[in-house]
N, C-alpha and C. Protein backbone atom coordinates (compact mmCIF):
# COMPACT_ATOMS: atom_id res chain seq x y z
N MET A 1 7.85 -3.53 25.72
CA MET A 1 8.08 -3.06 24.50
C MET A 1 8.08 -2.04 24.68
N HIS A 2 8.88 -1.08 24.04
CA HIS A 2 9.06 -0.01 23.59
C HIS A 2 9.02 0.38 21.92
N ILE A 3 8.03 1.35 22.60
CA ILE A 3 7.87 1.84 20.89
C ILE A 3 8.17 2.94 20.38
N ASP A 4 9.32 2.93 19.53
CA ASP A 4 9.84 4.67 18.74
C ASP A 4 8.58 4.99 18.74
N TRP A 5 8.43 5.93 18.70
CA TRP A 5 6.92 6.67 17.92
C TRP A 5 7.67 7.23 17.10
N ASN A 6 9.11 7.79 16.75
CA ASN A 6 9.59 9.00 15.89
C ASN A 6 9.46 7.45 14.65
N ILE A 7 9.96 6.31 14.88
CA ILE A 7 10.07 5.83 13.15
C ILE A 7 8.53 5.21 13.01
N LEU A 8 7.66 5.04 14.25
CA LEU A 8 6.55 4.59 13.50
C LEU A 8 5.36 5.45 12.88
N LEU A 9 5.27 7.00 13.13
CA LEU A 9 5.19 7.91 12.66
C LEU A 9 6.04 8.30 11.58
N THR A 10 7.86 8.28 11.28
CA THR A 10 7.49 7.94 10.22
C THR A 10 6.96 7.15 9.02
N ALA A 11 7.02 5.66 9.46
CA ALA A 11 6.36 4.78 8.37
C ALA A 11 5.39 5.13 7.82
N LEU A 12 4.09 5.51 8.84
CA LEU A 12 2.95 6.21 8.18
C LEU A 12 2.80 7.38 7.51
N GLY A 13 3.50 8.06 7.55
CA GLY A 13 3.94 9.33 6.88
C GLY A 13 4.12 8.64 5.44
N LEU A 14 5.71 8.13 5.07
CA LEU A 14 5.69 7.64 4.63
C LEU A 14 4.46 6.59 3.20
N ALA A 15 4.08 5.91 4.00
CA ALA A 15 2.94 5.24 3.27
C ALA A 15 1.56 5.79 2.78
N LEU A 16 1.27 7.39 3.79
CA LEU A 16 0.83 8.02 3.21
C LEU A 16 1.00 8.87 1.78
N VAL A 17 2.29 8.88 1.79
CA VAL A 17 2.91 8.85 0.95
C VAL A 17 2.97 8.62 -0.30
N LEU A 18 2.88 7.39 -0.12
CA LEU A 18 2.83 6.15 -1.43
C LEU A 18 1.90 6.17 -1.78
N GLU A 19 0.39 6.50 -0.64
CA GLU A 19 -0.47 5.97 -0.98
C GLU A 19 -1.59 7.12 -1.89
N GLY A 20 -0.73 8.36 -1.85
CA GLY A 20 -1.25 9.32 -2.11
C GLY A 20 -0.39 9.58 -3.75
N LEU A 21 0.61 8.94 -3.79
CA LEU A 21 1.04 8.70 -5.20
C LEU A 21 0.29 8.53 -6.29
N PRO A 22 -0.38 7.36 -6.65
CA PRO A 22 -1.30 7.68 -7.91
C PRO A 22 -1.99 8.37 -8.44
N TYR A 23 -2.63 8.71 -6.87
CA TYR A 23 -3.73 10.09 -7.46
C TYR A 23 -3.22 11.52 -7.69
N VAL A 24 -2.19 11.22 -7.60
CA VAL A 24 -1.83 12.64 -8.15
C VAL A 24 -0.83 12.32 -9.89
N ILE A 25 -0.03 11.37 -9.74
CA ILE A 25 0.67 10.88 -11.09
C ILE A 25 -0.30 10.40 -12.15
N PHE A 26 -1.09 9.41 -11.56
CA PHE A 26 -2.18 8.73 -12.86
C PHE A 26 -3.85 9.51 -12.48
N SER A 27 -3.83 10.78 -12.60
CA SER A 27 -5.01 11.33 -11.93
C SER A 27 -6.28 10.89 -12.81
N ASP A 28 -5.53 11.03 -14.57
CA ASP A 28 -6.88 10.96 -15.34
C ASP A 28 -6.72 9.46 -16.09
N LYS A 29 -6.01 8.78 -15.40
CA LYS A 29 -6.23 7.31 -15.65
C LYS A 29 -7.21 6.78 -14.43
N LEU A 30 -7.23 7.07 -13.41
CA LEU A 30 -6.99 6.48 -12.39
C LEU A 30 -9.28 5.85 -12.37
N PRO A 31 -10.20 6.98 -12.84
CA PRO A 31 -11.30 6.08 -12.63
C PRO A 31 -11.57 5.19 -13.82
N ALA A 32 -10.61 5.16 -14.62
CA ALA A 32 -10.81 4.31 -15.58
C ALA A 32 -10.46 2.66 -14.33
N MET A 33 -9.04 2.54 -13.94
CA MET A 33 -8.52 1.83 -13.37
C MET A 33 -9.35 1.11 -12.27
N LEU A 34 -9.70 2.23 -12.01
CA LEU A 34 -10.99 1.80 -10.17
C LEU A 34 -11.82 1.30 -11.01
N MET A 35 -12.44 1.11 -11.95
CA MET A 35 -14.00 0.73 -12.44
C MET A 35 -13.66 -0.73 -13.14
N GLU A 36 -11.98 -1.35 -13.13
CA GLU A 36 -11.70 -2.12 -13.31
C GLU A 36 -11.21 -3.04 -12.51
N LEU A 37 -10.63 -2.33 -12.08
CA LEU A 37 -11.03 -3.21 -10.20
C LEU A 37 -11.94 -3.45 -9.70
N ALA A 38 -13.47 -2.57 -9.92
CA ALA A 38 -14.00 -2.83 -9.20
C ALA A 38 -15.34 -4.38 -9.59
N GLN A 39 -14.46 -4.34 -11.23
CA GLN A 39 -15.77 -5.05 -11.51
C GLN A 39 -14.51 -6.85 -11.51
N ARG A 40 -13.51 -6.88 -10.67
CA ARG A 40 -13.20 -7.73 -10.26
C ARG A 40 -14.00 -8.67 -9.05
N GLY A 41 -13.28 -9.21 -9.00
CA GLY A 41 -14.34 -10.36 -7.82
C GLY A 41 -13.48 -10.48 -6.74
N PRO A 42 -14.42 -10.07 -5.48
CA PRO A 42 -13.87 -10.33 -4.10
C PRO A 42 -12.37 -11.29 -3.94
N SER A 43 -12.22 -12.39 -4.51
CA SER A 43 -11.24 -13.08 -4.32
C SER A 43 -10.18 -12.42 -5.05
N ALA A 44 -10.09 -11.78 -6.12
CA ALA A 44 -8.84 -11.82 -6.29
C ALA A 44 -8.72 -10.06 -5.95
N ILE A 45 -9.32 -8.67 -5.27
CA ILE A 45 -9.15 -8.25 -4.65
C ILE A 45 -8.35 -8.65 -3.19
N ARG A 46 -9.28 -9.24 -2.80
CA ARG A 46 -7.79 -10.03 -1.25
C ARG A 46 -6.99 -10.52 -1.93
N LEU A 47 -6.40 -11.01 -2.95
CA LEU A 47 -5.17 -11.34 -3.27
C LEU A 47 -4.26 -10.36 -3.15
N MET A 48 -4.85 -9.45 -4.09
CA MET A 48 -4.04 -8.39 -4.14
C MET A 48 -2.97 -7.91 -3.21
N GLY A 49 -4.18 -7.65 -2.23
CA GLY A 49 -4.58 -6.79 -0.84
C GLY A 49 -2.76 -7.78 0.29
N LEU A 50 -3.14 -9.58 -0.27
CA LEU A 50 -2.60 -10.30 0.49
C LEU A 50 -0.44 -10.22 0.09
N THR A 51 -0.74 -9.87 -1.26
CA THR A 51 0.69 -10.18 -2.33
C THR A 51 1.10 -8.95 -1.72
N ALA A 52 0.53 -7.54 -1.50
CA ALA A 52 0.88 -6.28 -1.22
C ALA A 52 1.34 -6.14 0.03
N ILE A 53 0.37 -6.91 0.96
CA ILE A 53 0.74 -6.68 2.77
C ILE A 53 1.98 -8.15 3.05
N CYS A 54 2.46 -9.01 1.98
CA CYS A 54 3.29 -10.28 2.07
C CYS A 54 4.51 -9.72 1.63
N ALA A 55 4.66 -8.30 0.43
CA ALA A 55 6.00 -8.16 -0.07
C ALA A 55 5.86 -7.14 1.14
N GLY A 56 5.14 -5.97 1.47
CA GLY A 56 5.47 -4.63 2.88
C GLY A 56 6.23 -5.86 4.27
N VAL A 57 5.50 -6.95 4.52
CA VAL A 57 6.39 -7.41 5.37
C VAL A 57 7.59 -8.11 5.11
N LEU A 58 8.00 -8.36 3.89
CA LEU A 58 9.15 -9.08 3.13
C LEU A 58 10.34 -8.05 3.18
N LEU A 59 9.72 -6.95 3.04
CA LEU A 59 10.75 -5.92 2.99
C LEU A 59 10.97 -5.53 4.03
N VAL A 60 10.17 -4.82 5.05
CA VAL A 60 10.57 -4.94 6.58
C VAL A 60 11.48 -5.72 6.91
N TRP A 61 11.14 -7.15 6.73
CA TRP A 61 11.71 -7.78 7.59
C TRP A 61 13.23 -7.72 6.62
N LEU A 62 13.59 -7.58 5.65
CA LEU A 62 15.01 -7.67 4.64
C LEU A 62 15.71 -6.03 5.43
N VAL A 63 15.02 -5.21 5.41
CA VAL A 63 15.50 -3.76 6.27
C VAL A 63 15.72 -4.24 7.54
N ARG A 64 15.07 -4.13 8.48
CA ARG A 64 15.29 -4.44 10.14
C ARG A 64 15.99 -5.44 10.16
N GLY A 65 16.02 -6.40 9.38
CA GLY A 65 16.56 -7.60 9.97
C GLY A 65 18.10 -7.70 10.11
């Protein structure tokens, strides 16, 4: 199996950009959003994570397929 490091590092860079955007765009509202998220149960947070993973896998599948 050949790993294309260029694509892998590009994807990692884009993921970091997307992860950092909320901190820049919503910096004034982010503390309240994080407090609300902290009050949710672990199952709700797990479901949000699983939904994000499924959406990401679907997007990669559609683009690369």
